[in-house]
Amino acid sequence: MIRRLYDWTMRLAGHRHATWALAFIAFLESSVFPIPPDVLMIPMIIAAPHRAFRIAFIATLASVIGGIVGYGIGYGLMDSVGKPILEFYGKSDKFDELATRFNEYGPWAVIIAGVTPFPFKVITIFSGVTHLSLPIFLGSAVFARALRFFVVAALLWKFGAPMRDFIEKRLGLVFTLFVALLLGGLYLVKYL
C-alpha cells in the first residue's frame, strides 16, 4: 500500500496541478497521511529550480496548517475518546504526568519531529492532546517545517539533480544526527 501511495505521489510531480497536490499532501502529512511532501517537492524543484523557494514556502504553509488540524484532532478527541480509555485502564494520572513533562519540552519535540524523518503527525496530535500552548506549537512548527523544506529547496536549487539522491537517502539521517548532537550538547551544558 505504501508503495502505491509513493508511486501515485511521484506521478503527481509532473502534473500541471502539482503545486496544489503538494499543498494537499503537505497538509495531510501533518495530521494523517503517511508519505512526506518531500517526495513530491523534490521532483518539482528539479523540474523548475527557479520556483524552488516558492515550492518550499507552499509546503511549509500547508504543512503548518495541517499541523493545526492535527493539533485540533488531539485537542478535541482526547476528552471524548482518550480519557475514558485511560480511566478504564487506571492510567489517567500517568497521562497527566506525561503531559506536564511533554509540555516542558514540547517545542523541542515539535522542532525535532518537524526536521527529522519522525512522523510529524504524531507530535502535532500529541501537542493537542497535552494542550501544548498553541502559540508555542505554531512557532515551533513554522520554524521546523521552514528549516526542513527550505534546506531541501536550497540544496536542489544550488546543486540540482545530483543532490536528489543525497536528500532522499541521507538528509533525514543528517538532520537526525544534527538533532542528536544538539540535544547531547544541551545535556552536557546542563548537567556538567
Protein backbone atom coordinates (compact mmCIF):
# COMPACT_ATOMS: atom_id res chain seq x y z
CA MET A 1 0.00 0.00 0.00
CA ILE A 2 2.79 2.45 0.89
CA ARG A 3 4.49 1.72 -2.45
CA ARG A 4 1.28 2.52 -4.35
CA LEU A 5 0.93 5.81 -2.43
CA TYR A 6 4.56 6.63 -3.22
CA ASP A 7 4.08 5.89 -6.95
CA TRP A 8 0.89 7.95 -7.01
CA THR A 9 2.72 10.84 -5.35
CA MET A 10 5.57 10.66 -7.88
CA ARG A 11 3.10 10.81 -10.80
CA LEU A 12 1.63 13.97 -9.28
CA ALA A 13 5.00 15.75 -9.52
CA GLY A 14 4.66 16.06 -13.29
CA HIS A 15 1.02 17.11 -13.30
CA ARG A 16 0.02 20.68 -14.17
CA HIS A 17 -1.66 20.95 -10.76
CA ALA A 18 1.41 19.67 -8.90
CA THR A 19 1.56 22.77 -6.68
CA TRP A 20 -1.97 22.15 -5.42
CA ALA A 21 -1.16 18.47 -4.96
CA LEU A 22 1.95 19.43 -2.95
CA ALA A 23 -0.11 21.71 -0.71
CA PHE A 24 -2.70 18.97 -0.22
CA ILE A 25 -0.09 16.30 0.61
CA ALA A 26 1.86 18.61 2.94
CA PHE A 27 -1.41 19.48 4.68
CA LEU A 28 -2.46 15.84 5.11
CA GLU A 29 1.02 14.61 6.10
CA SER A 30 0.95 16.80 9.19
CA SER A 31 -2.16 15.11 10.52
CA VAL A 32 -2.93 11.76 8.85
CA PHE A 33 -1.03 10.94 5.59
CA PRO A 34 1.99 8.58 5.70
CA ILE A 35 4.01 10.00 2.74
CA PRO A 36 6.14 13.12 3.38
CA PRO A 37 5.74 16.04 0.96
CA ASP A 38 9.45 15.89 0.11
CA VAL A 39 8.64 13.02 -2.25
CA LEU A 40 6.63 15.41 -4.42
CA MET A 41 8.62 18.54 -3.66
CA ILE A 42 12.00 17.16 -4.84
CA PRO A 43 11.00 16.31 -8.43
CA MET A 44 9.04 19.57 -8.67
CA ILE A 45 12.13 21.60 -7.75
CA ILE A 46 14.39 19.61 -10.06
CA ALA A 47 11.94 20.28 -12.91
CA ALA A 48 11.71 24.01 -12.11
CA PRO A 49 14.65 25.18 -9.95
CA HIS A 50 13.63 28.84 -10.37
CA ARG A 51 10.49 28.01 -8.33
CA ALA A 52 12.39 26.19 -5.54
CA PHE A 53 11.70 28.67 -2.75
CA ARG A 54 8.08 29.20 -3.78
CA ILE A 55 7.58 25.43 -3.64
CA ALA A 56 9.25 25.30 -0.20
CA PHE A 57 7.00 28.13 1.01
CA ILE A 58 3.86 26.31 -0.18
CA ALA A 59 4.99 23.07 1.51
CA THR A 60 5.76 24.95 4.74
CA LEU A 61 2.49 26.85 4.85
CA ALA A 62 0.33 23.81 4.02
CA SER A 63 2.24 21.62 6.48
CA VAL A 64 1.77 24.09 9.34
CA ILE A 65 -1.94 24.44 8.55
CA GLY A 66 -2.17 20.63 8.53
CA GLY A 67 -0.32 20.64 11.84
CA ILE A 68 -3.02 22.89 13.28
CA VAL A 69 -5.60 20.33 12.18
CA GLY A 70 -3.52 17.58 13.83
CA TYR A 71 -3.35 19.68 16.98
CA GLY A 72 -7.13 20.08 16.83
CA ILE A 73 -7.61 16.33 16.43
CA GLY A 74 -5.56 15.74 19.56
CA TYR A 75 -7.19 18.58 21.47
CA GLY A 76 -10.74 17.60 20.58
CA LEU A 77 -10.61 13.82 20.72
CA MET A 78 -8.73 13.37 23.97
CA ASP A 79 -11.70 14.27 26.12
CA SER A 80 -14.19 12.19 24.14
CA VAL A 81 -12.04 9.17 23.29
CA GLY A 82 -8.67 9.21 25.05
CA LYS A 83 -9.60 9.98 28.65
CA PRO A 84 -12.28 7.28 29.02
CA ILE A 85 -9.77 4.70 27.75
CA LEU A 86 -7.09 5.91 30.15
CA GLU A 87 -9.56 5.90 33.05
CA PHE A 88 -10.72 2.38 32.18
CA TYR A 89 -7.13 1.16 32.48
CA GLY A 90 -6.41 3.30 35.54
CA LYS A 91 -3.74 5.34 33.76
CA SER A 92 -5.22 8.84 33.71
CA ASP A 93 -2.82 10.04 36.43
CA LYS A 94 0.15 8.77 34.37
CA PHE A 95 -1.08 10.75 31.38
CA ASP A 96 -1.22 13.98 33.36
CA GLU A 97 2.39 13.45 34.43
CA LEU A 98 3.46 12.70 30.85
CA ALA A 99 1.56 15.73 29.53
CA THR A 100 3.32 18.01 32.02
CA ARG A 101 6.73 16.64 31.01
CA PHE A 102 5.87 16.87 27.31
CA ASN A 103 4.77 20.48 27.58
CA GLU A 104 8.00 21.33 29.35
CA TYR A 105 9.97 20.13 26.31
CA GLY A 106 7.15 20.35 23.74
CA PRO A 107 8.71 22.98 21.49
CA TRP A 108 11.79 20.76 21.12
CA ALA A 109 9.61 17.76 20.29
CA VAL A 110 7.82 19.76 17.59
CA ILE A 111 11.11 21.00 16.14
CA ILE A 112 12.72 17.56 16.20
CA ALA A 113 9.72 15.89 14.55
CA GLY A 114 9.48 18.75 12.05
CA VAL A 115 13.01 18.36 10.70
CA THR A 116 13.70 14.64 11.11
CA PRO A 117 12.02 11.63 9.50
CA PHE A 118 9.95 11.12 12.69
CA PRO A 119 6.25 11.30 11.70
CA PHE A 120 5.28 14.94 12.27
CA LYS A 121 1.60 13.99 12.62
CA VAL A 122 2.34 12.09 15.84
CA ILE A 123 3.70 15.22 17.52
CA THR A 124 1.02 17.55 16.12
CA ILE A 125 -1.71 15.33 17.53
CA PHE A 126 0.12 14.76 20.81
CA SER A 127 0.67 18.52 21.17
CA GLY A 128 -3.10 18.97 21.03
CA VAL A 129 -3.72 16.09 23.42
CA THR A 130 -1.40 17.62 26.02
CA HIS A 131 -2.71 21.15 25.37
CA LEU A 132 0.74 22.48 24.49
CA SER A 133 0.44 26.26 24.17
CA LEU A 134 -0.89 26.93 20.64
CA PRO A 135 1.43 29.93 20.00
CA ILE A 136 4.44 27.87 21.11
CA PHE A 137 3.28 24.97 18.93
CA LEU A 138 2.83 27.27 15.92
CA GLY A 139 6.18 28.98 16.34
CA SER A 140 7.99 25.66 16.67
CA ALA A 141 6.11 24.15 13.73
CA VAL A 142 6.81 27.11 11.42
CA PHE A 143 10.50 27.10 12.36
CA ALA A 144 10.92 23.34 11.93
CA ARG A 145 8.99 22.92 8.70
CA ALA A 146 10.54 26.00 7.09
CA LEU A 147 14.01 24.77 8.06
CA ARG A 148 13.37 21.34 6.57
CA PHE A 149 11.71 22.44 3.32
CA PHE A 150 13.92 25.46 2.63
CA VAL A 151 17.12 23.46 3.21
CA VAL A 152 15.91 20.89 0.67
CA ALA A 153 14.93 23.68 -1.74
CA ALA A 154 18.27 25.46 -1.34
CA LEU A 155 20.28 22.28 -1.91
CA LEU A 156 18.31 21.40 -5.03
CA TRP A 157 18.39 24.98 -6.32
CA LYS A 158 22.17 25.16 -5.86
CA PHE A 159 23.24 21.64 -6.86
CA GLY A 160 20.30 20.28 -8.89
CA ALA A 161 19.55 16.66 -9.72
CA PRO A 162 22.81 15.18 -8.32
CA MET A 163 21.68 16.34 -4.88
CA ARG A 164 18.44 14.33 -5.17
CA ASP A 165 19.98 11.01 -4.09
CA PHE A 166 21.65 12.64 -1.09
CA ILE A 167 18.40 14.26 0.00
CA GLU A 168 16.29 11.13 -0.49
CA LYS A 169 18.75 8.77 1.17
CA ARG A 170 20.75 10.77 3.67
CA LEU A 171 19.25 14.16 4.54
CA GLY A 172 16.91 12.65 7.13
CA LEU A 173 19.92 10.97 8.73
CA VAL A 174 21.91 14.22 8.66
CA PHE A 175 19.04 16.12 10.33
CA THR A 176 18.66 13.32 12.89
CA LEU A 177 22.39 13.34 13.71
CA PHE A 178 22.35 17.13 13.98
CA VAL A 179 19.45 16.99 16.42
CA ALA A 180 21.16 14.23 18.43
CA LEU A 181 24.36 16.29 18.64
CA LEU A 182 22.40 19.41 19.58
CA LEU A 183 20.50 17.60 22.33
CA GLY A 184 23.70 15.92 23.54
CA GLY A 185 25.39 19.31 23.72
CA LEU A 186 22.49 20.83 25.64
CA TYR A 187 22.53 17.88 28.04
CA LEU A 188 26.28 18.31 28.63
CA VAL A 189 25.90 22.04 29.24
CA LYS A 190 23.03 21.48 31.67
CA TYR A 191 24.48 18.59 33.68
CA LEU A 192 28.26 19.09 33.57
